[in-house]
C-alpha cells in the first residue's frame, strides 16, 4: 500500500522507526510524546494549501480479496456530497456525539466521524 501511494514523508513512532528505516526509502518524521506536547494551538504561520473539490482528501484501500489491496481516491467533493446528503437523514448536528465501534480505516466510520 505504501508503494502505491508513493508518499514523500512518513510519520513514525519511536517504536516503529527502526522498522520503517529498513523498509522504506523516504523521509521519516519521528513523532513522540515530546514532539506532540511541544505543538501549540496557535494558527500556523505557513498558509494552508488551497484545495479544490477535485483535490484528494484521503485514500482508502480495498480488502485485497482479489490479490492486492487497491487504493481508492476520495476527493473533497465526494466527502462533502456524502455529508450534505447523509447529515440531515441521520439528524446529525453540531451537538451530535457518537460512540464508534468500527475501525477508523473503514470508510463508513469516516463518514460518521466527519458528519
N, C-alpha and C. Protein backbone atom coordinates (compact mmCIF):
# COMPACT_ATOMS: atom_id res chain seq x y z
N UNK A 1 0.82 -1.18 0.00
CA UNK A 1 0.00 0.00 0.00
C UNK A 1 0.87 1.25 0.00
N UNK A 2 1.95 1.21 0.74
CA UNK A 2 2.86 2.36 0.78
C UNK A 2 3.44 2.61 -0.61
N UNK A 3 3.80 1.54 -1.31
CA UNK A 3 4.34 1.70 -2.66
C UNK A 3 3.33 2.34 -3.59
N UNK A 4 2.06 1.96 -3.49
CA UNK A 4 1.02 2.54 -4.34
C UNK A 4 0.85 4.03 -4.08
N UNK A 5 0.99 4.44 -2.84
CA UNK A 5 0.78 5.84 -2.50
C UNK A 5 1.98 6.71 -2.80
N UNK A 6 3.17 6.15 -2.77
CA UNK A 6 4.42 6.89 -3.00
C UNK A 6 4.50 8.17 -2.17
N UNK A 7 4.38 8.07 -0.85
CA UNK A 7 4.44 9.29 -0.04
C UNK A 7 5.84 9.88 -0.02
N UNK A 8 5.91 11.18 0.17
CA UNK A 8 7.20 11.85 0.28
C UNK A 8 7.77 11.72 1.68
N UNK A 9 6.90 11.71 2.68
CA UNK A 9 7.33 11.56 4.07
C UNK A 9 6.41 10.57 4.77
N UNK A 10 6.88 10.06 5.90
CA UNK A 10 6.06 9.16 6.73
C UNK A 10 6.25 9.55 8.18
N UNK A 11 5.15 9.69 8.90
CA UNK A 11 5.21 9.94 10.34
C UNK A 11 5.33 8.60 11.03
N UNK A 12 6.31 8.47 11.92
CA UNK A 12 6.52 7.20 12.61
C UNK A 12 6.70 7.43 14.11
N UNK A 13 6.33 6.42 14.87
CA UNK A 13 6.54 6.45 16.32
C UNK A 13 7.94 5.93 16.61
N UNK A 14 8.46 6.20 17.80
CA UNK A 14 9.78 5.67 18.15
C UNK A 14 9.84 4.14 18.03
N UNK A 15 8.72 3.48 18.36
CA UNK A 15 8.68 2.02 18.30
C UNK A 15 8.75 1.49 16.87
N UNK A 16 8.30 2.25 15.90
CA UNK A 16 8.26 1.80 14.51
C UNK A 16 9.38 2.38 13.65
N UNK A 17 10.17 3.27 14.21
CA UNK A 17 11.18 3.98 13.44
C UNK A 17 12.21 3.04 12.79
N UNK A 18 12.77 2.13 13.55
CA UNK A 18 13.81 1.24 13.02
C UNK A 18 13.27 0.38 11.88
N UNK A 19 12.09 -0.18 12.06
CA UNK A 19 11.49 -1.00 11.01
C UNK A 19 11.23 -0.16 9.75
N UNK A 20 10.70 1.04 9.95
CA UNK A 20 10.40 1.91 8.81
C UNK A 20 11.67 2.29 8.05
N UNK A 21 12.76 2.52 8.77
CA UNK A 21 14.03 2.85 8.11
C UNK A 21 14.51 1.73 7.20
N UNK A 22 14.28 0.48 7.60
CA UNK A 22 14.74 -0.64 6.78
C UNK A 22 13.79 -0.94 5.63
N UNK A 23 12.51 -0.63 5.78
CA UNK A 23 11.52 -0.96 4.75
C UNK A 23 11.30 0.12 3.71
N UNK A 24 11.43 1.38 4.09
CA UNK A 24 11.02 2.47 3.21
C UNK A 24 12.15 3.43 2.93
N UNK A 25 12.25 3.85 1.69
CA UNK A 25 13.26 4.81 1.26
C UNK A 25 12.59 6.18 1.09
N UNK A 26 12.30 6.82 2.20
CA UNK A 26 11.70 8.15 2.18
C UNK A 26 12.05 8.86 3.47
N UNK A 27 11.73 10.14 3.53
CA UNK A 27 11.97 10.90 4.75
C UNK A 27 11.01 10.43 5.84
N UNK A 28 11.55 10.11 7.00
CA UNK A 28 10.75 9.70 8.15
C UNK A 28 10.75 10.82 9.17
N UNK A 29 9.59 11.13 9.71
CA UNK A 29 9.46 12.15 10.74
C UNK A 29 9.05 11.44 12.02
N UNK A 30 9.95 11.47 13.00
CA UNK A 30 9.70 10.81 14.28
C UNK A 30 8.74 11.65 15.11
N UNK A 31 7.63 11.06 15.50
CA UNK A 31 6.63 11.76 16.31
C UNK A 31 6.48 11.00 17.63
N UNK A 32 6.81 11.69 18.72
CA UNK A 32 6.67 11.08 20.04
C UNK A 32 5.96 12.05 20.98
N UNK A 33 5.80 11.67 22.23
CA UNK A 33 5.08 12.49 23.20
C UNK A 33 5.72 13.87 23.35
N UNK A 34 7.05 13.94 23.34
CA UNK A 34 7.73 15.24 23.46
C UNK A 34 7.40 16.14 22.28
N UNK A 35 7.39 15.56 21.10
CA UNK A 35 7.06 16.33 19.90
C UNK A 35 5.63 16.86 19.99
N UNK A 36 4.70 15.99 20.36
CA UNK A 36 3.30 16.39 20.42
C UNK A 36 3.04 17.42 21.50
N UNK A 37 3.71 17.31 22.64
CA UNK A 37 3.49 18.26 23.72
C UNK A 37 4.04 19.64 23.37
N UNK A 38 4.96 19.70 22.42
CA UNK A 38 5.52 20.97 22.01
C UNK A 38 4.69 21.72 20.98
N UNK A 39 3.65 21.07 20.47
CA UNK A 39 2.80 21.72 19.48
C UNK A 39 1.90 22.74 20.17
N UNK A 40 1.62 23.82 19.48
CA UNK A 40 0.75 24.85 20.04
C UNK A 40 -0.57 24.87 19.30
N UNK A 41 -1.53 25.54 19.88
CA UNK A 41 -2.84 25.67 19.25
C UNK A 41 -2.93 26.96 18.42
N UNK A 42 -1.83 27.66 18.31
CA UNK A 42 -1.82 28.90 17.54
C UNK A 42 -1.96 28.58 16.06
N UNK A 43 -2.43 29.56 15.32
CA UNK A 43 -2.55 29.39 13.88
C UNK A 43 -1.17 29.25 13.27
N UNK A 44 -1.02 28.37 12.31
CA UNK A 44 0.29 28.21 11.67
C UNK A 44 0.67 29.47 10.89
N UNK A 45 1.96 29.75 10.86
CA UNK A 45 2.42 30.91 10.10
C UNK A 45 2.46 30.61 8.60
N UNK A 46 2.60 29.34 8.26
CA UNK A 46 2.56 28.95 6.86
C UNK A 46 1.11 28.75 6.46
N UNK A 47 0.68 29.41 5.39
CA UNK A 47 -0.73 29.25 5.00
C UNK A 47 -1.02 27.82 4.54
N UNK A 48 -2.24 27.39 4.79
CA UNK A 48 -2.65 26.07 4.34
C UNK A 48 -2.77 26.06 2.82
N UNK A 49 -2.55 24.92 2.20
CA UNK A 49 -2.66 24.87 0.74
C UNK A 49 -4.10 25.08 0.29
N UNK A 50 -4.25 25.63 -0.88
CA UNK A 50 -5.56 25.80 -1.48
C UNK A 50 -6.00 24.46 -2.05
N UNK A 51 -7.24 24.09 -1.80
CA UNK A 51 -7.76 22.83 -2.34
C UNK A 51 -8.98 23.12 -3.20
N UNK A 52 -9.23 22.22 -4.12
CA UNK A 52 -10.42 22.32 -4.96
C UNK A 52 -11.29 21.10 -4.68
N UNK A 53 -12.51 21.08 -5.18
CA UNK A 53 -13.35 19.89 -4.97
C UNK A 53 -12.71 18.61 -5.49
N UNK A 54 -11.85 18.71 -6.50
CA UNK A 54 -11.22 17.53 -7.08
C UNK A 54 -9.99 17.06 -6.29
N UNK A 55 -9.51 17.87 -5.36
CA UNK A 55 -8.31 17.53 -4.59
C UNK A 55 -8.56 16.28 -3.75
N UNK A 56 -7.56 15.41 -3.70
CA UNK A 56 -7.66 14.19 -2.89
C UNK A 56 -7.78 14.54 -1.42
N UNK A 57 -8.76 13.97 -0.76
CA UNK A 57 -8.94 14.14 0.68
C UNK A 57 -8.24 13.01 1.42
N UNK A 58 -8.47 11.78 0.97
CA UNK A 58 -7.80 10.62 1.55
C UNK A 58 -7.88 9.47 0.57
N UNK A 59 -7.14 8.42 0.86
CA UNK A 59 -7.17 7.20 0.06
C UNK A 59 -7.52 6.05 0.99
N UNK A 60 -8.53 5.30 0.62
CA UNK A 60 -8.94 4.12 1.40
C UNK A 60 -8.59 2.90 0.56
N UNK A 61 -8.15 1.84 1.22
CA UNK A 61 -7.75 0.64 0.49
C UNK A 61 -8.80 -0.45 0.61
N UNK A 62 -9.00 -1.16 -0.51
CA UNK A 62 -9.92 -2.29 -0.52
C UNK A 62 -9.35 -3.42 0.32
N UNK A 63 -10.14 -4.42 0.55
CA UNK A 63 -9.71 -5.54 1.40
C UNK A 63 -8.64 -6.40 0.75
N UNK A 64 -8.48 -6.30 -0.55
CA UNK A 64 -7.47 -7.10 -1.23
C UNK A 64 -7.93 -8.51 -1.53
N UNK A 65 -9.24 -8.72 -1.56
CA UNK A 65 -9.77 -10.08 -1.76
C UNK A 65 -9.42 -10.66 -3.14
N UNK A 66 -9.07 -9.80 -4.09
CA UNK A 66 -8.69 -10.30 -5.42
C UNK A 66 -7.18 -10.39 -5.58
N UNK A 67 -6.44 -10.22 -4.54
CA UNK A 67 -4.98 -10.27 -4.60
C UNK A 67 -4.37 -9.21 -3.72
N UNK A 68 -4.09 -8.05 -4.29
CA UNK A 68 -3.51 -6.94 -3.53
C UNK A 68 -4.57 -5.89 -3.25
N UNK A 69 -4.50 -5.24 -2.08
CA UNK A 69 -5.41 -4.12 -1.82
C UNK A 69 -5.20 -3.01 -2.85
N UNK A 70 -6.27 -2.38 -3.24
CA UNK A 70 -6.19 -1.29 -4.21
C UNK A 70 -6.63 0.01 -3.55
N UNK A 71 -5.90 1.08 -3.84
CA UNK A 71 -6.23 2.38 -3.28
C UNK A 71 -7.37 3.03 -4.04
N UNK A 72 -8.36 3.54 -3.31
CA UNK A 72 -9.48 4.26 -3.90
C UNK A 72 -9.38 5.70 -3.42
N UNK A 73 -9.26 6.62 -4.35
CA UNK A 73 -9.10 8.04 -4.02
C UNK A 73 -10.46 8.65 -3.71
N UNK A 74 -10.56 9.30 -2.56
CA UNK A 74 -11.78 10.01 -2.16
C UNK A 74 -11.45 11.51 -2.21
N UNK A 75 -12.21 12.24 -3.00
CA UNK A 75 -11.97 13.67 -3.16
C UNK A 75 -12.76 14.48 -2.12
N UNK A 76 -12.41 15.75 -2.01
CA UNK A 76 -13.16 16.64 -1.13
C UNK A 76 -14.62 16.69 -1.58
N UNK A 77 -14.86 16.71 -2.88
CA UNK A 77 -16.22 16.75 -3.42
C UNK A 77 -17.02 15.53 -2.97
N UNK A 78 -16.41 14.35 -3.07
CA UNK A 78 -17.12 13.13 -2.70
C UNK A 78 -17.53 13.15 -1.23
N UNK A 79 -16.62 13.52 -0.36
CA UNK A 79 -16.94 13.54 1.07
C UNK A 79 -17.97 14.61 1.37
N UNK A 80 -17.82 15.79 0.79
CA UNK A 80 -18.77 16.87 1.03
C UNK A 80 -20.17 16.47 0.58
N UNK A 81 -20.27 15.86 -0.59
CA UNK A 81 -21.57 15.42 -1.10
C UNK A 81 -22.20 14.41 -0.15
N UNK A 82 -21.41 13.48 0.33
CA UNK A 82 -21.92 12.47 1.25
C UNK A 82 -22.41 13.11 2.55
N UNK A 83 -21.65 14.05 3.08
CA UNK A 83 -22.03 14.69 4.33
C UNK A 83 -23.31 15.49 4.17
N UNK A 84 -23.43 16.22 3.06
CA UNK A 84 -24.62 17.03 2.82
C UNK A 84 -25.86 16.15 2.72
N UNK A 85 -25.73 15.00 2.07
CA UNK A 85 -26.86 14.08 1.89
C UNK A 85 -27.17 13.29 3.17
N UNK A 86 -26.15 12.77 3.82
CA UNK A 86 -26.37 11.88 4.96
C UNK A 86 -26.65 12.60 6.27
N UNK A 87 -26.09 13.79 6.44
CA UNK A 87 -26.27 14.52 7.70
C UNK A 87 -27.73 14.70 8.08
N UNK A 88 -28.54 15.32 7.22
CA UNK A 88 -29.95 15.52 7.56
C UNK A 88 -30.73 14.21 7.73
N UNK A 89 -30.41 13.20 6.94
CA UNK A 89 -31.11 11.91 7.05
C UNK A 89 -30.86 11.26 8.40
N UNK A 90 -29.71 11.49 8.96
CA UNK A 90 -29.36 10.88 10.25
C UNK A 90 -29.58 11.85 11.40
N UNK A 91 -30.16 13.01 11.13
CA UNK A 91 -30.42 14.04 12.15
C UNK A 91 -29.14 14.42 12.88
N UNK A 92 -28.08 14.61 12.13
CA UNK A 92 -26.79 14.97 12.72
C UNK A 92 -26.66 16.48 12.76
N UNK A 93 -26.23 16.99 13.89
CA UNK A 93 -25.99 18.42 14.05
C UNK A 93 -24.64 18.61 14.73
N UNK A 94 -24.29 19.86 15.00
CA UNK A 94 -23.02 20.14 15.68
C UNK A 94 -23.03 19.62 17.11
N UNK A 95 -24.20 19.38 17.68
CA UNK A 95 -24.29 18.88 19.04
C UNK A 95 -24.27 17.35 19.10
N UNK A 96 -24.33 16.68 17.96
CA UNK A 96 -24.38 15.22 17.91
C UNK A 96 -23.07 14.62 18.39
N UNK A 97 -23.16 13.58 19.20
CA UNK A 97 -21.99 12.82 19.65
C UNK A 97 -22.26 11.35 19.36
N UNK A 98 -21.26 10.63 18.89
CA UNK A 98 -21.43 9.23 18.55
C UNK A 98 -20.31 8.40 19.16
N UNK A 99 -20.64 7.19 19.55
CA UNK A 99 -19.66 6.22 20.01
C UNK A 99 -19.37 5.31 18.82
N UNK A 100 -18.11 5.21 18.43
CA UNK A 100 -17.73 4.48 17.23
C UNK A 100 -17.15 3.13 17.61
N UNK A 101 -17.70 2.07 17.00
CA UNK A 101 -17.24 0.71 17.26
C UNK A 101 -16.46 0.11 16.10
N UNK A 102 -16.44 0.78 14.97
CA UNK A 102 -15.78 0.24 13.79
C UNK A 102 -14.37 0.80 13.65
N UNK A 103 -13.59 0.15 12.84
CA UNK A 103 -12.21 0.57 12.59
C UNK A 103 -12.19 1.94 11.92
N UNK A 104 -11.23 2.77 12.30
CA UNK A 104 -11.08 4.07 11.66
C UNK A 104 -10.62 3.93 10.21
N UNK A 105 -10.20 2.75 9.81
CA UNK A 105 -9.80 2.50 8.43
C UNK A 105 -11.02 2.19 7.55
N UNK A 106 -12.18 2.03 8.15
CA UNK A 106 -13.41 1.72 7.41
C UNK A 106 -14.04 3.01 6.92
N UNK A 107 -14.32 3.07 5.62
CA UNK A 107 -14.86 4.28 5.00
C UNK A 107 -16.14 4.77 5.68
N UNK A 108 -17.01 3.86 6.08
CA UNK A 108 -18.25 4.24 6.75
C UNK A 108 -18.00 4.96 8.06
N UNK A 109 -16.96 4.59 8.77
CA UNK A 109 -16.61 5.26 10.02
C UNK A 109 -16.21 6.70 9.75
N UNK A 110 -15.47 6.91 8.67
CA UNK A 110 -15.05 8.27 8.33
C UNK A 110 -16.25 9.16 8.05
N UNK A 111 -17.25 8.62 7.35
CA UNK A 111 -18.46 9.40 7.10
C UNK A 111 -19.13 9.78 8.42
N UNK A 112 -19.17 8.84 9.33
CA UNK A 112 -19.77 9.10 10.64
C UNK A 112 -18.99 10.16 11.40
N UNK A 113 -17.67 10.05 11.38
CA UNK A 113 -16.82 10.98 12.12
C UNK A 113 -16.90 12.40 11.57
N UNK A 114 -17.01 12.53 10.26
CA UNK A 114 -16.93 13.86 9.65
C UNK A 114 -18.28 14.49 9.41
N UNK A 115 -19.35 13.80 9.72
CA UNK A 115 -20.67 14.38 9.54
C UNK A 115 -20.98 15.32 10.65
